[in-house]
Protein backbone atom coordinates (compact mmCIF):
# COMPACT_ATOMS: atom_id res chain seq x y z
CA MET A 1 1.74 47.45 47.70
CA LEU A 2 -0.37 44.38 47.84
CA SER A 3 -1.89 45.16 44.50
CA ILE A 4 1.56 45.72 42.87
CA ILE A 5 2.80 42.12 44.07
CA GLU A 6 -0.47 40.71 42.72
CA TYR A 7 -0.19 42.31 39.39
CA SER A 8 3.64 41.72 39.09
CA VAL A 9 3.38 37.99 39.89
CA THR A 10 0.36 37.44 37.64
CA ALA A 11 2.09 39.23 34.78
CA ILE A 12 5.32 37.28 35.06
CA VAL A 13 3.88 33.78 35.61
CA CYS A 14 1.02 34.21 32.95
CA LEU A 15 3.22 35.63 30.24
CA ILE A 16 5.90 33.08 30.68
CA SER A 17 3.42 30.24 30.74
CA ALA A 18 1.54 31.64 27.66
CA ILE A 19 4.80 31.81 25.68
CA VAL A 20 5.76 28.10 26.73
CA ILE A 21 2.22 26.94 25.77
CA GLN A 22 2.26 28.73 22.35
CA ARG A 23 5.65 27.07 21.69
CA ILE A 24 4.15 23.74 22.42
CA PHE A 25 1.29 24.56 20.00
CA ILE A 26 3.66 25.62 17.21
CA LYS A 27 5.77 22.39 17.75
CA GLU A 28 2.69 20.16 17.52
CA GLN A 29 1.47 22.07 14.56
CA ASN A 30 4.78 21.47 12.71
CA ARG A 31 4.62 17.84 13.67
CA GLY A 32 1.41 17.66 11.64
CA SER A 33 -0.94 16.93 14.60
CA ASN A 34 -4.67 17.24 14.18
CA ILE A 35 -5.59 20.89 14.16
CA GLN A 36 -8.87 20.41 15.99
CA ALA A 37 -7.07 18.41 18.69
CA ILE A 38 -4.42 21.15 19.35
CA ASN A 39 -6.50 24.18 18.95
CA GLY A 40 -7.35 23.96 22.61
CA ILE A 41 -3.57 24.49 23.37
CA LYS A 42 -3.61 27.71 21.37
CA TRP A 43 -6.73 29.06 23.03
CA PHE A 44 -5.79 28.12 26.53
CA GLY A 45 -2.38 29.78 25.90
CA LEU A 46 -4.12 32.96 24.78
CA ALA A 47 -6.47 32.95 27.80
CA ILE A 48 -3.39 32.89 30.06
CA PHE A 49 -1.81 35.53 27.94
CA VAL A 50 -4.88 37.80 28.28
CA TRP A 51 -4.50 37.51 32.12
CA GLY A 52 -0.83 38.54 31.85
CA LEU A 53 -1.59 41.33 29.68
CA GLY A 54 -4.30 42.61 31.99
CA ALA A 55 -1.90 42.53 34.89
CA VAL A 56 0.65 44.54 32.81
CA LEU A 57 -2.04 47.08 32.06
CA ASN A 58 -3.00 47.30 35.62
CA LEU A 59 0.66 48.04 36.67
CA VAL A 60 0.71 50.75 34.12
CA TYR A 61 -2.50 52.27 35.44
CA THR A 62 -1.59 52.11 39.10
CA GLU A 63 2.06 52.87 38.99
CA LEU A 64 2.62 55.12 35.89
CA LEU A 65 -0.77 56.80 35.70
CA GLU A 66 -1.33 56.51 39.52
CA PHE A 67 -4.94 55.43 39.14
CA SER A 68 -6.49 53.97 42.30
CA THR A 69 -7.65 50.24 42.20
CA SER A 70 -11.30 51.52 42.17
CA HIS A 71 -10.73 53.85 39.27
CA LYS A 72 -13.45 53.48 36.45
CA ILE A 73 -10.85 52.95 33.62
CA LEU A 74 -9.03 50.33 35.48
CA ILE A 75 -12.35 48.38 36.20
CA TYR A 76 -13.52 48.79 32.64
CA THR A 77 -10.19 47.46 31.51
CA GLY A 78 -10.48 44.56 33.99
CA VAL A 79 -14.07 43.66 32.62
CA LEU A 80 -12.79 43.73 28.99
CA ILE A 81 -9.74 41.45 29.96
CA SER A 82 -12.06 39.09 31.88
CA LEU A 83 -14.45 38.93 28.90
CA ALA A 84 -11.54 38.24 26.47
CA ASN A 85 -10.25 35.54 28.82
CA SER A 86 -13.65 33.91 28.98
CA LEU A 87 -13.90 33.94 25.12
CA CYS A 88 -10.54 32.23 24.76
CA ILE A 89 -11.51 29.50 27.41
CA LEU A 90 -14.87 29.00 25.76
CA LEU A 91 -13.16 28.45 22.29
CA SER A 92 -10.66 26.00 24.01
CA LEU A 93 -13.45 23.72 25.60
CA PRO A 94 -14.29 21.67 22.33
CA SER A 95 -10.67 20.62 22.25
CA ILE A 96 -10.87 18.90 25.68
CA GLU A 97 -11.04 15.29 24.47
CA HIS A 98 -13.38 12.83 26.29
CA ASN A 99 -15.94 10.17 25.33
CA LYS A 100 -18.78 11.58 27.40
CA THR A 101 -21.78 13.80 26.40
CA ARG A 102 -20.60 17.45 25.59
CA GLY A 103 -22.00 20.21 27.87
CA LEU A 104 -24.58 22.64 26.56
CA ILE A 105 -22.09 25.47 26.06
CA VAL A 106 -19.64 23.26 24.00
CA ARG A 107 -22.63 22.07 21.86
CA LEU A 108 -23.61 25.73 21.27
CA ILE A 109 -20.05 26.73 20.32
CA GLN A 110 -19.64 23.78 17.98
CA ARG A 111 -22.65 25.05 16.01
CA PHE A 112 -20.63 28.10 14.80
CA SER A 113 -17.20 28.48 13.19
CA THR A 114 -14.61 30.17 15.34
CA ARG A 115 -14.96 33.52 13.45
CA GLU A 116 -18.76 33.38 13.86
CA PHE A 117 -18.61 32.78 17.54
CA ILE A 118 -16.15 35.56 18.21
CA GLY A 119 -18.34 37.90 16.26
CA LEU A 120 -21.46 36.91 18.02
CA PHE A 121 -19.80 36.96 21.56
CA SER A 122 -18.20 40.36 20.87
CA GLY A 123 -21.33 41.87 19.40
CA VAL A 124 -23.78 40.82 22.09
CA LEU A 125 -21.42 41.71 25.05
CA GLY A 126 -20.35 44.82 23.28
CA MET A 127 -23.87 46.16 23.20
CA ILE A 128 -24.41 45.14 26.76
CA ALA A 129 -21.31 46.79 27.92
CA PHE A 130 -22.15 50.02 26.06
CA VAL A 131 -25.45 50.21 28.08
CA PHE A 132 -23.60 49.57 31.44
CA ILE A 133 -20.84 52.13 30.68
CA ALA A 134 -23.37 54.80 29.45
CA THR A 135 -25.40 54.27 32.67
CA SER A 136 -22.59 54.25 35.15
CA TYR A 137 -19.75 56.47 33.76
CA ASN A 138 -20.97 59.87 34.90
CA ASN A 139 -23.37 58.52 37.62
CA THR A 140 -21.53 58.93 40.95
CA GLU A 141 -24.41 57.19 42.79
CA ILE A 142 -23.61 53.87 41.04
CA SER A 143 -20.68 51.99 42.38
CA ASN A 144 -17.77 51.33 40.00
CA ASN A 145 -18.23 47.60 40.66
CA PHE A 146 -21.51 47.83 38.96
CA ILE A 147 -19.80 47.37 35.58
CA TRP A 148 -18.70 43.86 36.65
CA LEU A 149 -22.36 42.72 36.33
CA ILE A 150 -21.48 42.30 32.60
CA ASP A 151 -18.88 39.69 33.41
CA ILE A 152 -20.43 37.77 36.31
CA PRO A 153 -22.90 35.59 34.33
CA ILE A 154 -20.22 34.84 31.66
CA SER A 155 -17.61 34.01 34.27
CA ILE A 156 -20.05 31.66 36.01
CA PHE A 157 -21.07 30.01 32.85
CA VAL A 158 -17.38 29.62 31.82
CA ALA A 159 -16.50 28.17 35.17
CA LEU A 160 -19.26 25.69 35.10
CA SER A 161 -18.48 24.45 31.59
CA LEU A 162 -14.78 24.31 32.40
CA LEU A 163 -15.66 22.27 35.47
CA TYR A 164 -17.78 19.90 33.48
CA GLU A 165 -15.39 19.35 30.56
CA LEU A 166 -12.36 18.94 32.87
CA ASN A 167 -14.03 16.46 35.08
CA LYS A 168 -15.24 14.48 32.05
CA ALA A 169 -11.73 14.51 30.48
CA PHE A 170 -10.04 13.38 33.65
CA LYS A 171 -12.62 10.68 34.21
CA SER A 172 -12.08 9.44 30.59
CA ARG A 173 -8.34 9.26 31.34
CA GLN A 174 -8.92 7.54 34.70
CA MET A 175 -7.74 10.48 36.73
CA LYS A 176 -10.65 10.83 39.02
CA PHE A 177 -8.29 12.14 41.80
CA MET A 178 -8.25 15.43 39.89
CA TYR A 179 -11.89 16.16 40.84
CA LEU A 180 -10.81 18.04 43.86
CA PRO A 181 -8.52 20.53 42.13
CA THR A 182 -11.18 21.11 39.48
CA PHE A 183 -13.87 21.85 42.16
CA THR A 184 -11.38 24.04 44.06
CA LEU A 185 -10.72 26.01 40.70
CA PHE A 186 -14.34 26.51 40.39
CA ALA A 187 -14.89 27.77 44.09
CA LEU A 188 -11.91 30.07 43.69
CA ILE A 189 -13.49 31.53 40.58
CA ILE A 190 -16.83 32.07 42.26
CA ILE A 191 -15.05 33.79 45.29
CA ALA A 192 -13.09 35.98 42.94
CA VAL A 193 -16.32 36.96 41.15
CA CYS A 194 -17.97 37.85 44.52
CA HIS A 195 -14.99 39.89 45.51
CA ARG A 196 -15.32 42.00 42.24
CA ILE A 197 -19.02 42.67 42.62
CA ILE A 198 -19.41 43.52 46.42
CA PRO A 199 -18.63 47.12 46.90
CA GLN A 200 -15.58 47.63 49.01
CA ASP A 201 -17.07 50.50 51.10
CA GLN A 202 -19.82 48.25 52.28
CA VAL A 203 -17.49 45.30 53.13
CA VAL A 204 -15.14 47.34 55.33
CA GLN A 205 -18.08 47.92 57.65
CA VAL A 206 -17.93 44.19 58.49
CA ILE A 207 -14.43 42.93 57.50
CA ASP A 208 -11.16 44.60 57.93
CA GLN A 209 -10.07 46.38 54.65
CA LYS A 210 -6.55 44.91 54.66
CA PHE A 211 -8.01 41.24 55.10
CA TRP A 212 -10.54 41.84 52.30
CA MET A 213 -7.86 43.12 49.86
CA LEU A 214 -5.48 40.21 50.94
CA ALA A 215 -8.25 37.59 50.39
CA GLY A 216 -8.99 39.14 46.95
CA SER A 217 -5.36 39.09 45.86
CA ILE A 218 -4.72 35.50 47.16
CA THR A 219 -7.99 34.32 45.47
CA SER A 220 -7.16 36.03 42.16
CA ILE A 221 -3.48 34.70 42.10
CA SER A 222 -4.49 31.25 43.29
CA PHE A 223 -7.22 30.46 40.70
CA LYS A 224 -4.98 31.58 37.92
CA PHE A 225 -2.13 29.41 39.20
CA LEU A 226 -4.46 26.43 39.72
CA PHE A 227 -5.93 27.01 36.25
CA ILE A 228 -2.38 26.85 34.75
CA LEU A 229 -1.61 23.67 36.79
CA LEU A 230 -4.74 21.94 35.60
CA PHE A 231 -4.09 22.83 32.00
CA SER A 232 -0.59 21.58 32.19
CA ILE A 233 -1.79 18.22 33.69
CA LEU A 234 -4.47 18.04 31.01
CA LEU A 235 -1.90 18.80 28.35
CA TYR A 236 0.53 16.24 29.67
CA SER A 237 -2.16 13.60 29.82
CA TRP A 238 -3.33 14.52 26.38
CA LYS A 239 0.15 14.23 25.03
CA PHE A 240 0.63 10.94 26.82
CA LEU A 241 -2.65 9.55 25.52
CA SER A 242 -1.92 10.82 22.02
CA GLU A 243 1.48 9.08 21.95
CA LYS A 244 -0.12 5.91 23.43
CA GLU A 245 -2.76 5.91 20.75
CA VAL A 246 -0.03 6.40 18.16
CA GLN A 247 1.84 3.38 19.56
CA GLN A 248 -1.25 1.39 19.53
CA SER A 249 -1.89 2.35 16.00
CA MET A 250 1.59 1.37 15.05
CA VAL A 251 1.14 -1.96 16.82
CA GLU A 252 -2.06 -2.60 15.06
CA THR A 253 -0.56 -1.55 11.67
CA LEU A 254 2.52 -3.88 12.29
CA SER A 255 0.17 -6.69 13.34
CA GLU A 256 -1.76 -6.30 10.12
CA GLU A 257 1.42 -6.22 8.07
CA LYS A 258 2.54 -9.28 9.98
CA MET A 259 -0.56 -11.21 9.17
CA LYS A 260 -0.28 -10.20 5.43
CA LEU A 261 3.54 -11.32 5.45
CA ARG A 262 2.46 -14.54 7.08
CA THR A 263 -0.29 -15.14 4.44
CA THR A 264 2.31 -14.20 1.60
CA ILE A 265 4.80 -16.60 3.16
CA ASP A 266 2.17 -19.40 3.40
CA ASN A 267 1.22 -18.70 -0.22
CA LEU A 268 4.94 -18.76 -1.35
CA THR A 269 5.46 -22.00 0.68
CA LEU A 270 2.51 -23.72 -1.15
CA ALA A 271 3.74 -22.36 -4.53
CA ASN A 272 7.20 -23.52 -3.65
CA GLU A 273 6.06 -26.99 -2.74
CA SER A 274 4.02 -27.14 -5.93
CA HIS A 275 7.06 -26.17 -7.86
CA LEU A 276 9.11 -28.67 -6.02
CA ASP A 277 6.59 -31.42 -6.89
CA THR A 278 6.58 -30.35 -10.50
CA ILE A 279 10.31 -30.32 -10.68
CA LYS A 280 10.55 -33.73 -8.84
CA SER A 281 8.03 -35.15 -11.58
CA MET A 282 10.06 -33.56 -14.34
CA LYS A 283 13.21 -35.11 -12.95
CA ILE A 284 11.58 -38.54 -12.92
CA GLU A 285 10.42 -38.07 -16.52
CA LEU A 286 13.88 -36.88 -17.46
CA GLN A 287 15.47 -39.76 -15.77
CA THR A 288 13.11 -42.13 -17.52
CA LEU A 289 13.76 -40.52 -20.96
CA LYS A 290 17.51 -40.66 -20.26
CA GLN A 291 17.19 -44.30 -19.29
CA LEU A 292 15.36 -45.09 -22.44
CA SER A 293 17.72 -43.09 -24.53
CA ASP A 294 20.56 -45.14 -22.96
CA ILE A 295 18.96 -48.35 -23.93
CA GLN A 296 20.91 -50.29 -26.62
CA LEU A 297 18.81 -52.92 -28.41
CA SER A 298 20.33 -55.63 -30.56
CA ASP A 299 19.55 -55.84 -34.19
CA ARG A 300 17.51 -58.98 -33.47
CA GLN A 301 15.49 -57.30 -30.79
CA LYS A 302 14.96 -54.24 -33.22
CA GLU A 303 13.82 -56.87 -35.82
CA VAL A 304 11.38 -58.38 -33.24
CA LEU A 305 9.95 -54.89 -32.38
CA ALA A 306 9.63 -53.85 -35.91
CA ASN A 307 7.73 -57.06 -36.96
CA LEU A 308 5.51 -56.77 -33.84
CA ALA A 309 4.73 -53.15 -34.79
CA LEU A 310 3.83 -54.35 -38.32
CA LEU A 311 1.74 -57.40 -37.43
CA GLY A 312 0.97 -57.04 -33.72
CA HIS A 313 -2.53 -55.48 -34.26
CA ASP A 314 -3.73 -58.37 -36.23
CA LYS A 315 -1.60 -61.36 -35.42
CA SER A 316 -0.54 -63.20 -32.22
CA TYR A 317 2.94 -63.73 -30.85
CA THR A 318 2.85 -67.28 -32.36
CA GLU A 319 1.82 -66.20 -35.91
CA ILE A 320 4.54 -63.47 -35.84
CA ALA A 321 7.10 -65.94 -34.77
CA GLU A 322 6.11 -68.30 -37.67
CA ALA A 323 6.37 -65.48 -40.02
CA MET A 324 9.83 -64.77 -38.80
CA HIS A 325 10.74 -68.41 -39.00
CA ILE A 326 11.75 -68.67 -35.25
CA SER A 327 10.26 -70.63 -32.29
CA VAL A 328 7.48 -69.08 -30.26
CA ASP A 329 9.70 -69.51 -27.15
CA GLY A 330 12.52 -67.61 -28.70
CA PHE A 331 10.13 -64.81 -29.76
CA GLN A 332 8.64 -64.58 -26.35
CA THR A 333 12.12 -64.63 -24.87
CA HIS A 334 13.09 -61.63 -27.01
CA ILE A 335 9.81 -59.83 -25.93
CA HIS A 336 10.47 -60.49 -22.25
CA GLN A 337 13.99 -59.16 -22.41
CA ILE A 338 12.81 -56.00 -24.31
CA LYS A 339 10.11 -55.40 -21.76
CA LYS A 340 12.67 -55.66 -19.04
CA MET A 341 14.97 -53.27 -20.59
CA LEU A 342 12.29 -50.66 -21.29
CA ASN A 343 10.70 -51.18 -17.78
CA ILE A 344 7.28 -52.08 -19.28
CA LYS A 345 4.90 -53.92 -16.94
CA GLY A 346 1.21 -54.85 -17.11
CA ASN A 347 -1.21 -56.35 -19.56
CA GLU A 348 -0.84 -53.48 -22.06
CA GLY A 349 2.84 -54.26 -22.74
CA LYS A 350 2.25 -55.20 -26.30
CA GLU A 351 0.74 -51.88 -27.20
CA GLN A 352 3.69 -50.04 -25.46
CA LEU A 353 6.20 -52.10 -27.48
CA ILE A 354 4.28 -51.12 -30.68
CA ALA A 355 4.36 -47.51 -29.82
CA TYR A 356 8.07 -47.62 -28.72
CA ALA A 357 9.03 -49.23 -32.13
CA LYS A 358 7.06 -46.51 -34.15
CA GLU A 359 8.40 -43.67 -32.00
CA HIS A 360 12.01 -44.81 -32.39
CA ASP A 361 11.91 -45.43 -36.08
CA LEU A 362 12.39 -49.20 -36.00
CA MET A 363 10.18 -50.05 -38.85
CA SER A 364 13.24 -50.12 -41.15
CA PHE A 365 14.09 -53.43 -39.34
CA VAL A 366 11.02 -55.31 -40.55
CA SER A 367 12.06 -58.73 -41.99
CA VAL A 368 8.71 -60.30 -42.89
CA LYS A 369 6.39 -59.86 -45.75
CA ILE A 370 2.61 -59.18 -45.66
CA ASP A 371 0.73 -61.49 -47.89
CA GLY A 372 -0.88 -59.62 -50.60
């Protein structure tokens, strides 16, 4: 009755957990998550599924086929299930993310592809299992528990590697309080291993048979449940950190874009200021040109400018005034008024007046004659 409860509870919990975990894996895969990062979800889910499958097979053997719990076929199946579970856990270990040094087992796994490691694991243990089965199958003097010797070293190595990687992962995520559950999981696995290998007929001489079976069932169920719990916490923390890393990446990206936009705005501001200065300068020039175009010179002033343009390079104001038969004061008065109208200042006013006269076609107003 106790074994039926153990197998039933294990089958229900493990199969449901495996389905949920695989759905999480598929969802993350569809979201485009890194395959290497989420492969651990798949392999952990398969490890739990193998446990559930083993419990279902045990129910079939004990209830439908009415095998005893110490039957060779049931034990051989248990060893196969345990080895398959160990393989899945081993393949999941490289996906447990942490920034510490990887364990020896994980470094060994990483040297091979998934297909190569499965082939190597299955080949080596297949040969060892064949030797054990051939030795013990028809030999009544050898205990049925002898076959568990195939699985014991593997289970211990897997337990140690799992303990190492889990502790490193929880330490990296500042979750050192999870050390106690991981050590508890390791201890339960070791107890379960010892329960398998020690022959029951020898144990009952020291310990009550019901207590021994109860301890085995409790240990078996407890370490599976604790394994699922630890993996769920690990998965949740991985998901939380993954989302946090995505958010940090988005913040960094937005900060970079903000800096680029700020630089662009600064450049546009400088360009805009430059354009504004250019426009301002052009406005001043246009205003000046407009003012100059609005200037209305009298015919006498045009005559003075024209004669200045003709003789100004060679003659003085006095000589030009004599040539025009006007007084020097009158000539200079005209020049002063014209400079004021054209907003001409400085010592080079004469040259600017000559240039203005030529640019505005005032040479037709020349009234003096050049001696021949």
